[in-house]
Amino acid sequence: MANKTQRGLGKGLSALLGDSADLNQFRKPVGYVNKEIVSNESEPAVSADVLRIPIGMIEPNPFQPRATFDPDALEELADSIRTLGLIQPITVRKIGSGRYQIISGERRFRASKLAGMDMIPAFIREADDQGMLEMALVENVQREDLDPIETALGYQRLIDECRLTQEQMAQRVGKKRASVTNFLRLLRLPAKVQHDLKVGLISVGHAKVILGVDEPKDQEMLCDLVIKEDLSVRQLEEKVRKMERAAQPSPYSDTVDLPETYYKVLEYMGRFFGDNISLKRSAAGKGSITLRFESDEEMERFLQALESPRA
């Protein structure tokens, strides 16, 4: 019954539009009539309305966080603007008599120029340089077509240049703080790995696994392995686990020349934990001590020994 209804609806539309109807003929470019700014009239510094401003009176944003614009994507947007007009106005601020500067929407501005528009719809608002930078950055990182590194760089600029905390920045962009933190961590990756993430050779999931490895050379090797063997995130995790197990040294390896202090620590703690203690130390002196205990009582005895005054 539902299928018949659907077919009937389709026939009804065909009857209304005709089989070869070009829907674009029913679409007219959007316009903002009778709300224009011209050079010989007084110009508002702020407006809640959408105003049409001559393109020649508008300057690009010097704080534009995006360095490059895809020419093919700009041309596609320009074609859409020629047919439909600019649906989403740009936002500008007044910087002098007859001059406006873009706060956000430079891509739409460039596409409008390509489309041959002489007027462009815009909101006008006040903003100092700091506020303008923040608004431009926030708008930029909220775009859906940014790659992960572009997003991370935008977050970092908000923190560095707008003096925001991670919590404040997360509120500005409408994200959870954990999500923001995860993106910022991507900037710790070696340049080679960042590049491969940026161009889509590896995913954010792969990058998170790679971040769990400390050495940059190992991170680059794992990145190459993902690309060479087309590894899934789960397969990469297994590779990392195997690598860590292979690198695990014996707690009392004869090949490791430990300072005397380490042996004294092992001897003292071995009184309470026996062989259930292991120690790792790198050549640089960094490391960890792992304790394995059998019961709460064992930990109680260890605590008592630590708290007891020495004889």
C-alpha atoms as a PDB file:
ATOM      1  CA  MET A   1       0.000   0.000   0.000  1.00  0.00           C
ATOM      2  CA  ALA A   2       2.850   2.325   0.887  1.00  0.00           C
ATOM      3  CA  ASN A   3       4.594   1.570  -2.418  1.00  0.00           C
ATOM      4  CA  LYS A   4       1.490   2.508  -4.399  1.00  0.00           C
ATOM      5  CA  THR A   5       1.242   5.770  -2.511  1.00  0.00           C
ATOM      6  CA  GLN A   6       4.887   6.557  -3.285  1.00  0.00           C
ATOM      7  CA  ARG A   7       4.424   5.863  -7.006  1.00  0.00           C
ATOM      8  CA  GLY A   8       1.325   7.994  -7.066  1.00  0.00           C
ATOM      9  CA  LEU A   9       3.184  10.894  -5.509  1.00  0.00           C
ATOM     10  CA  GLY A  10       5.875  10.643  -8.159  1.00  0.00           C
ATOM     11  CA  LYS A  11       3.307  10.718 -10.964  1.00  0.00           C
ATOM     12  CA  GLY A  12       1.686  13.708  -9.379  1.00  0.00           C
ATOM     13  CA  LEU A  13       4.927  15.658  -9.373  1.00  0.00           C
ATOM     14  CA  SER A  14       5.638  14.710 -12.980  1.00  0.00           C
ATOM     15  CA  ALA A  15       2.226  15.978 -13.967  1.00  0.00           C
ATOM     16  CA  LEU A  16       2.906  19.277 -12.241  1.00  0.00           C
ATOM     17  CA  LEU A  17       6.452  19.832 -13.472  1.00  0.00           C
ATOM     18  CA  GLY A  18       6.556  17.902 -16.715  1.00  0.00           C
ATOM     19  CA  ASP A  19       8.890  15.005 -17.423  1.00  0.00           C
ATOM     20  CA  SER A  20      11.712  17.231 -18.658  1.00  0.00           C
ATOM     21  CA  ALA A  21      11.211  20.034 -16.163  1.00  0.00           C
ATOM     22  CA  ASP A  22      14.385  21.912 -15.243  1.00  0.00           C
ATOM     23  CA  LEU A  23      13.942  22.659 -11.573  1.00  0.00           C
ATOM     24  CA  ASN A  24      16.413  25.544 -11.729  1.00  0.00           C
ATOM     25  CA  GLN A  25      13.872  27.578 -13.676  1.00  0.00           C
ATOM     26  CA  PHE A  26      11.770  27.638 -10.514  1.00  0.00           C
ATOM     27  CA  ARG A  27      14.672  28.905  -8.440  1.00  0.00           C
ATOM     28  CA  LYS A  28      15.541  32.562  -8.420  1.00  0.00           C
ATOM     29  CA  PRO A  29      18.748  33.949  -6.899  1.00  0.00           C
ATOM     30  CA  VAL A  30      18.169  35.223  -3.375  1.00  0.00           C
ATOM     31  CA  GLY A  31      18.325  38.955  -3.019  1.00  0.00           C
ATOM     32  CA  TYR A  32      18.289  41.562  -0.277  1.00  0.00           C
ATOM     33  CA  VAL A  33      16.428  44.364  -2.000  1.00  0.00           C
ATOM     34  CA  ASN A  34      16.255  47.905  -0.556  1.00  0.00           C
ATOM     35  CA  LYS A  35      19.008  47.161   1.960  1.00  0.00           C
ATOM     36  CA  GLU A  36      21.994  48.362   0.017  1.00  0.00           C
ATOM     37  CA  ILE A  37      25.031  50.407   0.956  1.00  0.00           C
ATOM     38  CA  VAL A  38      26.382  52.801  -1.645  1.00  0.00           C
ATOM     39  CA  SER A  39      29.451  54.947  -1.394  1.00  0.00           C
ATOM     40  CA  ASN A  40      27.598  58.260  -1.226  1.00  0.00           C
ATOM     41  CA  GLU A  41      25.302  57.289   1.652  1.00  0.00           C
ATOM     42  CA  SER A  42      25.911  57.105   5.387  1.00  0.00           C
ATOM     43  CA  GLU A  43      27.206  53.690   6.340  1.00  0.00           C
ATOM     44  CA  PRO A  44      26.214  51.879   9.526  1.00  0.00           C
ATOM     45  CA  ALA A  45      28.925  50.548  11.845  1.00  0.00           C
ATOM     46  CA  VAL A  46      26.639  47.801  13.101  1.00  0.00           C
ATOM     47  CA  SER A  47      23.487  46.281  11.656  1.00  0.00           C
ATOM     48  CA  ALA A  48      21.241  43.392  12.622  1.00  0.00           C
ATOM     49  CA  ASP A  49      19.928  43.318   9.053  1.00  0.00           C
ATOM     50  CA  VAL A  50      21.528  41.730   6.026  1.00  0.00           C
ATOM     51  CA  LEU A  51      22.863  44.566   3.871  1.00  0.00           C
ATOM     52  CA  ARG A  52      24.113  44.435   0.288  1.00  0.00           C
ATOM     53  CA  ILE A  53      27.594  45.944   0.070  1.00  0.00           C
ATOM     54  CA  PRO A  54      29.559  46.661  -3.127  1.00  0.00           C
ATOM     55  CA  ILE A  55      32.286  44.055  -3.449  1.00  0.00           C
ATOM     56  CA  GLY A  56      34.826  46.781  -4.172  1.00  0.00           C
ATOM     57  CA  MET A  57      34.309  48.197  -0.668  1.00  0.00           C
ATOM     58  CA  ILE A  58      35.279  44.908   1.027  1.00  0.00           C
ATOM     59  CA  GLU A  59      38.796  43.776   1.970  1.00  0.00           C
ATOM     60  CA  PRO A  60      39.932  40.224   2.813  1.00  0.00           C
ATOM     61  CA  ASN A  61      40.584  39.194   6.391  1.00  0.00           C
ATOM     62  CA  PRO A  62      44.327  39.478   7.239  1.00  0.00           C
ATOM     63  CA  PHE A  63      43.750  36.967  10.039  1.00  0.00           C
ATOM     64  CA  GLN A  64      42.225  34.368   7.705  1.00  0.00           C
ATOM     65  CA  PRO A  65      43.340  31.049   9.232  1.00  0.00           C
ATOM     66  CA  ARG A  66      42.976  29.208   5.952  1.00  0.00           C
ATOM     67  CA  ALA A  67      45.965  29.669   3.666  1.00  0.00           C
ATOM     68  CA  THR A  68      44.661  27.963   0.519  1.00  0.00           C
ATOM     69  CA  PHE A  69      41.299  27.634  -1.217  1.00  0.00           C
ATOM     70  CA  ASP A  70      40.554  24.782  -3.603  1.00  0.00           C
ATOM     71  CA  PRO A  71      39.988  26.438  -7.026  1.00  0.00           C
ATOM     72  CA  ASP A  72      37.630  23.680  -8.219  1.00  0.00           C
ATOM     73  CA  ALA A  73      35.512  23.979  -5.058  1.00  0.00           C
ATOM     74  CA  LEU A  74      35.454  27.771  -5.456  1.00  0.00           C
ATOM     75  CA  GLU A  75      34.250  27.434  -9.035  1.00  0.00           C
ATOM     76  CA  GLU A  76      31.497  25.022  -7.957  1.00  0.00           C
ATOM     77  CA  LEU A  77      30.362  27.491  -5.304  1.00  0.00           C
ATOM     78  CA  ALA A  78      30.498  30.301  -7.863  1.00  0.00           C
ATOM     79  CA  ASP A  79      28.219  28.295 -10.177  1.00  0.00           C
ATOM     80  CA  SER A  80      25.773  27.803  -7.306  1.00  0.00           C
ATOM     81  CA  ILE A  81      25.857  31.531  -6.529  1.00  0.00           C
ATOM     82  CA  ARG A  82      25.133  32.402 -10.176  1.00  0.00           C
ATOM     83  CA  THR A  83      22.028  30.196 -10.007  1.00  0.00           C
ATOM     84  CA  LEU A  84      20.808  30.680  -6.437  1.00  0.00           C
ATOM     85  CA  GLY A  85      22.590  33.754  -5.160  1.00  0.00           C
ATOM     86  CA  LEU A  86      24.604  33.745  -1.932  1.00  0.00           C
ATOM     87  CA  ILE A  87      22.404  31.959   0.603  1.00  0.00           C
ATOM     88  CA  GLN A  88      24.610  32.585   3.635  1.00  0.00           C
ATOM     89  CA  PRO A  89      25.776  36.210   3.984  1.00  0.00           C
ATOM     90  CA  ILE A  90      29.343  36.986   4.989  1.00  0.00           C
ATOM     91  CA  THR A  91      30.169  38.972   8.152  1.00  0.00           C
ATOM     92  CA  VAL A  92      32.219  42.168   7.995  1.00  0.00           C
ATOM     93  CA  ARG A  93      33.332  45.038  10.194  1.00  0.00           C
ATOM     94  CA  LYS A  94      33.673  48.688   9.239  1.00  0.00           C
ATOM     95  CA  ILE A  95      37.309  49.860   9.129  1.00  0.00           C
ATOM     96  CA  GLY A  96      36.912  53.335   7.658  1.00  0.00           C
ATOM     97  CA  SER A  97      34.856  55.508   5.378  1.00  0.00           C
ATOM     98  CA  GLY A  98      33.650  53.334   2.526  1.00  0.00           C
ATOM     99  CA  ARG A  99      35.673  50.298   3.607  1.00  0.00           C
ATOM    100  CA  TYR A 100      34.735  46.989   5.241  1.00  0.00           C
ATOM    101  CA  GLN A 101      36.844  44.026   6.269  1.00  0.00           C
ATOM    102  CA  ILE A 102      35.769  40.388   6.287  1.00  0.00           C
ATOM    103  CA  ILE A 103      35.360  38.755   9.681  1.00  0.00           C
ATOM    104  CA  SER A 104      34.114  35.453   8.320  1.00  0.00           C
ATOM    105  CA  GLY A 105      33.103  34.108   4.931  1.00  0.00           C
ATOM    106  CA  GLU A 106      36.175  34.740   2.770  1.00  0.00           C
ATOM    107  CA  ARG A 107      35.507  31.617   0.698  1.00  0.00           C
ATOM    108  CA  ARG A 108      31.986  32.875  -0.061  1.00  0.00           C
ATOM    109  CA  PHE A 109      33.460  36.311  -0.851  1.00  0.00           C
ATOM    110  CA  ARG A 110      35.965  34.877  -3.339  1.00  0.00           C
ATOM    111  CA  ALA A 111      33.337  32.697  -5.002  1.00  0.00           C
ATOM    112  CA  SER A 112      30.996  35.690  -5.302  1.00  0.00           C
ATOM    113  CA  LYS A 113      33.718  37.628  -7.131  1.00  0.00           C
ATOM    114  CA  LEU A 114      34.203  34.646  -9.456  1.00  0.00           C
ATOM    115  CA  ALA A 115      30.455  34.608 -10.068  1.00  0.00           C
ATOM    116  CA  GLY A 116      30.638  38.226 -11.217  1.00  0.00           C
ATOM    117  CA  MET A 117      28.570  39.693  -8.365  1.00  0.00           C
ATOM    118  CA  ASP A 118      28.975  43.424  -7.822  1.00  0.00           C
ATOM    119  CA  MET A 119      27.070  43.421  -4.505  1.00  0.00           C
ATOM    120  CA  ILE A 120      27.351  40.891  -1.697  1.00  0.00           C
ATOM    121  CA  PRO A 121      25.003  40.329   1.280  1.00  0.00           C
ATOM    122  CA  ALA A 122      26.666  40.831   4.643  1.00  0.00           C
ATOM    123  CA  PHE A 123      26.119  41.281   8.352  1.00  0.00           C
ATOM    124  CA  ILE A 124      27.978  44.211   9.897  1.00  0.00           C
ATOM    125  CA  ARG A 125      29.295  43.961  13.422  1.00  0.00           C
ATOM    126  CA  GLU A 126      31.903  45.566  15.622  1.00  0.00           C
ATOM    127  CA  ALA A 127      35.083  43.666  16.338  1.00  0.00           C
ATOM    128  CA  ASP A 128      38.594  44.616  17.380  1.00  0.00           C
ATOM    129  CA  ASP A 129      41.491  42.678  15.894  1.00  0.00           C
ATOM    130  CA  GLN A 130      41.494  40.154  18.740  1.00  0.00           C
ATOM    131  CA  GLY A 131      37.748  39.593  18.575  1.00  0.00           C
ATOM    132  CA  MET A 132      37.895  39.398  14.805  1.00  0.00           C
ATOM    133  CA  LEU A 133      40.610  36.759  14.886  1.00  0.00           C
ATOM    134  CA  GLU A 134      38.652  34.699  17.405  1.00  0.00           C
ATOM    135  CA  MET A 135      35.466  34.827  15.347  1.00  0.00           C
ATOM    136  CA  ALA A 136      37.325  33.890  12.165  1.00  0.00           C
ATOM    137  CA  LEU A 137      39.069  30.981  13.867  1.00  0.00           C
ATOM    138  CA  VAL A 138      35.905  29.678  15.497  1.00  0.00           C
ATOM    139  CA  GLU A 139      34.027  29.760  12.212  1.00  0.00           C
ATOM    140  CA  ASN A 140      36.913  28.055  10.464  1.00  0.00           C
ATOM    141  CA  VAL A 141      37.264  25.113  12.869  1.00  0.00           C
ATOM    142  CA  GLN A 142      33.517  24.491  12.718  1.00  0.00           C
ATOM    143  CA  ARG A 143      33.715  23.744   8.994  1.00  0.00           C
ATOM    144  CA  GLU A 144      33.041  20.155   7.956  1.00  0.00           C
ATOM    145  CA  ASP A 145      35.659  20.038   5.182  1.00  0.00           C
ATOM    146  CA  LEU A 146      38.737  20.616   7.333  1.00  0.00           C
ATOM    147  CA  ASP A 147      41.254  17.814   7.669  1.00  0.00           C
ATOM    148  CA  PRO A 148      42.251  16.769  11.228  1.00  0.00           C
ATOM    149  CA  ILE A 149      45.516  18.726  11.195  1.00  0.00           C
ATOM    150  CA  GLU A 150      43.769  21.910  10.019  1.00  0.00           C
ATOM    151  CA  THR A 151      41.291  21.481  12.866  1.00  0.00           C
ATOM    152  CA  ALA A 152      44.077  20.910  15.399  1.00  0.00           C
ATOM    153  CA  LEU A 153      45.977  23.970  14.180  1.00  0.00           C
ATOM    154  CA  GLY A 154      42.836  26.063  14.455  1.00  0.00           C
ATOM    155  CA  TYR A 155      42.349  24.912  18.052  1.00  0.00           C
ATOM    156  CA  GLN A 156      45.980  25.685  18.856  1.00  0.00           C
ATOM    157  CA  ARG A 157      45.685  29.187  17.391  1.00  0.00           C
ATOM    158  CA  LEU A 158      42.611  29.849  19.519  1.00  0.00           C
ATOM    159  CA  ILE A 159      44.612  28.876  22.594  1.00  0.00           C
ATOM    160  CA  ASP A 160      47.822  30.712  21.665  1.00  0.00           C
ATOM    161  CA  GLU A 161      46.590  33.841  19.910  1.00  0.00           C
ATOM    162  CA  CYS A 162      43.276  34.385  21.677  1.00  0.00           C
ATOM    163  CA  ARG A 163      44.632  33.346  25.083  1.00  0.00           C
ATOM    164  CA  LEU A 164      41.884  30.806  25.714  1.00  0.00           C
ATOM    165  CA  THR A 165      42.055  27.766  27.956  1.00  0.00           C
ATOM    166  CA  GLN A 166      41.111  24.389  26.497  1.00  0.00           C
ATOM    167  CA  GLU A 167      37.837  24.568  28.413  1.00  0.00           C
ATOM    168  CA  GLN A 168      37.012  28.042  27.055  1.00  0.00           C
ATOM    169  CA  MET A 169      37.975  27.002  23.558  1.00  0.00           C
ATOM    170  CA  ALA A 170      35.832  23.869  23.722  1.00  0.00           C
ATOM    171  CA  GLN A 171      32.854  26.052  24.694  1.00  0.00           C
ATOM    172  CA  ARG A 172      33.526  28.434  21.785  1.00  0.00           C
ATOM    173  CA  VAL A 173      33.530  25.680  19.182  1.00  0.00           C
ATOM    174  CA  GLY A 174      30.784  23.592  20.786  1.00  0.00           C
ATOM    175  CA  LYS A 175      32.908  20.502  21.375  1.00  0.00           C
ATOM    176  CA  LYS A 176      33.632  18.343  24.400  1.00  0.00           C
ATOM    177  CA  ARG A 177      36.950  19.102  26.025  1.00  0.00           C
ATOM    178  CA  ALA A 178      38.144  15.515  25.519  1.00  0.00           C
ATOM    179  CA  SER A 179      37.567  15.880  21.775  1.00  0.00           C
ATOM    180  CA  VAL A 180      39.549  19.109  21.705  1.00  0.00           C
ATOM    181  CA  THR A 181      42.399  17.517  23.662  1.00  0.00           C
ATOM    182  CA  ASN A 182      42.552  14.575  21.270  1.00  0.00           C
ATOM    183  CA  PHE A 183      42.851  16.889  18.277  1.00  0.00           C
ATOM    184  CA  LEU A 184      45.604  18.948  19.936  1.00  0.00           C
ATOM    185  CA  ARG A 185      47.589  15.774  20.632  1.00  0.00           C
ATOM    186  CA  LEU A 186      47.836  15.199  16.869  1.00  0.00           C
ATOM    187  CA  LEU A 187      50.257  18.132  16.675  1.00  0.00           C
ATOM    188  CA  ARG A 188      52.758  16.112  18.742  1.00  0.00           C
ATOM    189  CA  LEU A 189      53.187  13.665  15.878  1.00  0.00           C
ATOM    190  CA  PRO A 190      56.260  13.914  13.614  1.00  0.00           C
ATOM    191  CA  ALA A 191      55.800  16.082  10.534  1.00  0.00           C
ATOM    192  CA  LYS A 192      55.817  13.015   8.280  1.00  0.00           C
ATOM    193  CA  VAL A 193      52.940  11.407  10.178  1.00  0.00           C
ATOM    194  CA  GLN A 194      51.007  14.698  10.297  1.00  0.00           C
ATOM    195  CA  HIS A 195      51.345  14.949   6.526  1.00  0.00           C
ATOM    196  CA  ASP A 196      50.016  11.435   5.962  1.00  0.00           C
ATOM    197  CA  LEU A 197      47.084  12.133   8.271  1.00  0.00           C
ATOM    198  CA  LYS A 198      46.379  15.432   6.524  1.00  0.00           C
ATOM    199  CA  VAL A 199      46.187  13.890   3.063  1.00  0.00           C
ATOM    200  CA  GLY A 200      44.181  10.889   4.239  1.00  0.00           C
ATOM    201  CA  LEU A 201      46.787   8.117   4.002  1.00  0.00           C
ATOM    202  CA  ILE A 202      46.063   7.238   7.640  1.00  0.00           C
ATOM    203  CA  SER A 203      43.003   7.914   9.792  1.00  0.00           C
ATOM    204  CA  VAL A 204      42.600   9.724  13.109  1.00  0.00           C
ATOM    205  CA  GLY A 205      42.121   6.290  14.687  1.00  0.00           C
ATOM    206  CA  HIS A 206      45.531   5.203  13.374  1.00  0.00           C
ATOM    207  CA  ALA A 207      47.076   8.443  14.629  1.00  0.00           C
ATOM    208  CA  LYS A 208      45.717   7.879  18.147  1.00  0.00           C
ATOM    209  CA  VAL A 209      47.347   4.440  18.255  1.00  0.00           C
ATOM    210  CA  ILE A 210      50.634   5.853  16.955  1.00  0.00           C
ATOM    211  CA  LEU A 211      50.551   8.519  19.667  1.00  0.00           C
ATOM    212  CA  GLY A 212      50.731   5.712  22.229  1.00  0.00           C
ATOM    213  CA  VAL A 213      54.311   5.041  21.113  1.00  0.00           C
ATOM    214  CA  ASP A 214      56.985   7.352  22.517  1.00  0.00           C
ATOM    215  CA  GLU A 215      59.801   7.382  19.983  1.00  0.00           C
ATOM    216  CA  PRO A 216      59.274   9.535  16.850  1.00  0.00           C
ATOM    217  CA  LYS A 217      61.177   7.031  14.691  1.00  0.00           C
ATOM    218  CA  ASP A 218      58.878   4.248  15.857  1.00  0.00           C
ATOM    219  CA  GLN A 219      55.870   6.468  15.147  1.00  0.00           C
ATOM    220  CA  GLU A 220      57.077   7.063  11.580  1.00  0.00           C
ATOM    221  CA  MET A 221      57.756   3.349  11.097  1.00  0.00           C
ATOM    222  CA  LEU A 222      54.241   2.447  12.245  1.00  0.00           C
ATOM    223  CA  CYS A 223      52.762   5.070   9.930  1.00  0.00           C
ATOM    224  CA  ASP A 224      54.663   3.572   6.975  1.00  0.00           C
ATOM    225  CA  LEU A 225      53.475   0.113   8.000  1.00  0.00           C
ATOM    226  CA  VAL A 226      49.831   1.207   8.008  1.00  0.00           C
ATOM    227  CA  ILE A 227      50.161   2.548   4.472  1.00  0.00           C
ATOM    228  CA  LYS A 228      52.229  -0.353   3.126  1.00  0.00           C
ATOM    229  CA  GLU A 229      50.055  -3.128   4.551  1.00  0.00           C
ATOM    230  CA  ASP A 230      46.744  -1.236   4.556  1.00  0.00           C
ATOM    231  CA  LEU A 231      46.313  -2.005   8.263  1.00  0.00           C
ATOM    232  CA  SER A 232      43.059  -1.394  10.103  1.00  0.00           C
ATOM    233  CA  VAL A 233      43.182   0.391  13.455  1.00  0.00           C
ATOM    234  CA  ARG A 234      42.718  -2.931  15.266  1.00  0.00           C
ATOM    235  CA  GLN A 235      45.546  -4.562  13.297  1.00  0.00           C
ATOM    236  CA  LEU A 236      47.800  -1.621  14.115  1.00  0.00           C
ATOM    237  CA  GLU A 237      46.989  -1.974  17.823  1.00  0.00           C
ATOM    238  CA  GLU A 238      48.068  -5.622  17.676  1.00  0.00           C
ATOM    239  CA  LYS A 239      51.326  -4.654  15.944  1.00  0.00           C
ATOM    240  CA  VAL A 240      52.052  -2.149  18.719  1.00  0.00           C
ATOM    241  CA  ARG A 241      51.335  -4.740  21.415  1.00  0.00           C
ATOM    242  CA  LYS A 242      53.744  -7.209  19.796  1.00  0.00           C
ATOM    243  CA  MET A 243      56.382  -4.512  19.490  1.00  0.00           C
ATOM    244  CA  GLU A 244      56.045  -3.616  23.172  1.00  0.00           C
ATOM    245  CA  ARG A 245      56.272  -7.274  24.262  1.00  0.00           C
ATOM    246  CA  ALA A 246      59.415  -7.778  22.183  1.00  0.00           C
ATOM    247  CA  ALA A 247      61.023  -4.707  23.731  1.00  0.00           C
ATOM    248  CA  GLN A 248      60.157  -5.714  27.314  1.00  0.00           C
ATOM    249  CA  PRO A 249      63.462  -6.277  29.167  1.00  0.00           C
ATOM    250  CA  SER A 250      64.007  -8.873  31.886  1.00  0.00           C
ATOM    251  CA  PRO A 251      63.760  -7.266  35.352  1.00  0.00           C
ATOM    252  CA  TYR A 252      67.255  -8.454  36.260  1.00  0.00           C
ATOM    253  CA  SER A 253      68.912  -8.649  32.865  1.00  0.00           C
ATOM    254  CA  ASP A 254      72.690  -9.137  33.004  1.00  0.00           C
ATOM    255  CA  THR A 255      73.091  -6.878  29.992  1.00  0.00           C
ATOM    256  CA  VAL A 256      71.688  -3.852  31.848  1.00  0.00           C
ATOM    257  CA  ASP A 257      74.263  -2.018  33.926  1.00  0.00           C
ATOM    258  CA  LEU A 258      72.128  -0.484  36.672  1.00  0.00           C
ATOM    259  CA  PRO A 259      73.494   1.951  39.246  1.00  0.00           C
ATOM    260  CA  GLU A 260      73.930   0.524  42.749  1.00  0.00           C
ATOM    261  CA  THR A 261      70.953   2.533  43.994  1.00  0.00           C
ATOM    262  CA  TYR A 262      68.580   0.513  41.804  1.00  0.00           C
ATOM    263  CA  TYR A 263      69.753  -2.787  43.252  1.00  0.00           C
ATOM    264  CA  LYS A 264      69.271  -1.459  46.769  1.00  0.00           C
ATOM    265  CA  VAL A 265      65.703  -0.414  45.926  1.00  0.00           C
ATOM    266  CA  LEU A 266      64.971  -3.849  44.432  1.00  0.00           C
ATOM    267  CA  GLU A 267      66.510  -5.575  47.448  1.00  0.00           C
ATOM    268  CA  TYR A 268      64.482  -3.513  49.928  1.00  0.00           C
ATOM    269  CA  MET A 269      61.180  -3.893  48.147  1.00  0.00           C
ATOM    270  CA  GLY A 270      61.899  -7.557  47.455  1.00  0.00           C
ATOM    271  CA  ARG A 271      61.575  -8.217  51.198  1.00  0.00           C
ATOM    272  CA  PHE A 272      57.856  -7.585  50.861  1.00  0.00           C
ATOM    273  CA  PHE A 273      57.101  -8.638  47.304  1.00  0.00           C
ATOM    274  CA  GLY A 274      59.732 -11.279  46.538  1.00  0.00           C
ATOM    275  CA  ASP A 275      59.942 -11.822  42.793  1.00  0.00           C
ATOM    276  CA  ASN A 276      56.752  -9.860  42.195  1.00  0.00           C
ATOM    277  CA  ILE A 277      58.633  -6.703  41.360  1.00  0.00           C
ATOM    278  CA  SER A 278      60.111  -5.589  38.043  1.00  0.00           C
ATOM    279  CA  LEU A 279      62.099  -2.552  36.998  1.00  0.00           C
ATOM    280  CA  LYS A 280      62.640  -0.949  33.599  1.00  0.00           C
ATOM    281  CA  ARG A 281      65.235   1.736  32.927  1.00  0.00           C
ATOM    282  CA  SER A 282      66.291   3.353  29.653  1.00  0.00           C
ATOM    283  CA  ALA A 283      69.817   4.500  28.860  1.00  0.00           C
ATOM    284  CA  ALA A 284      68.656   8.058  29.567  1.00  0.00           C
ATOM    285  CA  GLY A 285      67.644   7.095  33.121  1.00  0.00           C
ATOM    286  CA  LYS A 286      63.869   7.046  32.624  1.00  0.00           C
ATOM    287  CA  GLY A 287      61.916   4.003  33.693  1.00  0.00           C
ATOM    288  CA  SER A 288      59.256   2.420  35.855  1.00  0.00           C
ATOM    289  CA  ILE A 289      58.824   0.008  38.747  1.00  0.00           C
ATOM    290  CA  THR A 290      55.965  -2.495  38.650  1.00  0.00           C
ATOM    291  CA  LEU A 291      54.648  -4.176  41.804  1.00  0.00           C
ATOM    292  CA  ARG A 292      52.458  -7.268  41.720  1.00  0.00           C
ATOM    293  CA  PHE A 293      50.776  -8.232  44.996  1.00  0.00           C
ATOM    294  CA  GLU A 294      48.710 -11.198  46.062  1.00  0.00           C
ATOM    295  CA  SER A 295      46.406  -9.672  48.664  1.00  0.00           C
ATOM    296  CA  ASP A 296      45.371  -6.587  50.567  1.00  0.00           C
ATOM    297  CA  GLU A 297      47.282  -7.925  53.549  1.00  0.00           C
ATOM    298  CA  GLU A 298      50.495  -7.811  51.545  1.00  0.00           C
ATOM    299  CA  MET A 299      49.962  -4.137  50.826  1.00  0.00           C
ATOM    300  CA  GLU A 300      49.113  -3.511  54.488  1.00  0.00           C
ATOM    301  CA  ARG A 301      52.444  -5.011  55.561  1.00  0.00           C
ATOM    302  CA  PHE A 302      54.270  -2.902  53.016  1.00  0.00           C
ATOM    303  CA  LEU A 303      52.536   0.257  54.235  1.00  0.00           C
ATOM    304  CA  GLN A 304      53.411  -0.539  57.850  1.00  0.00           C
ATOM    305  CA  ALA A 305      57.034  -0.983  56.906  1.00  0.00           C
ATOM    306  CA  LEU A 306      57.094   2.371  55.114  1.00  0.00           C
ATOM    307  CA  GLU A 307      55.487   4.172  58.052  1.00  0.00           C
ATOM    308  CA  SER A 308      57.626   2.532  60.740  1.00  0.00           C
ATOM    309  CA  PRO A 309      60.443   4.749  62.075  1.00  0.00           C
ATOM    310  CA  ARG A 310      63.888   3.489  61.260  1.00  0.00           C
ATOM    311  CA  ALA A 311      66.004   2.061  64.072  1.00  0.00           C
END
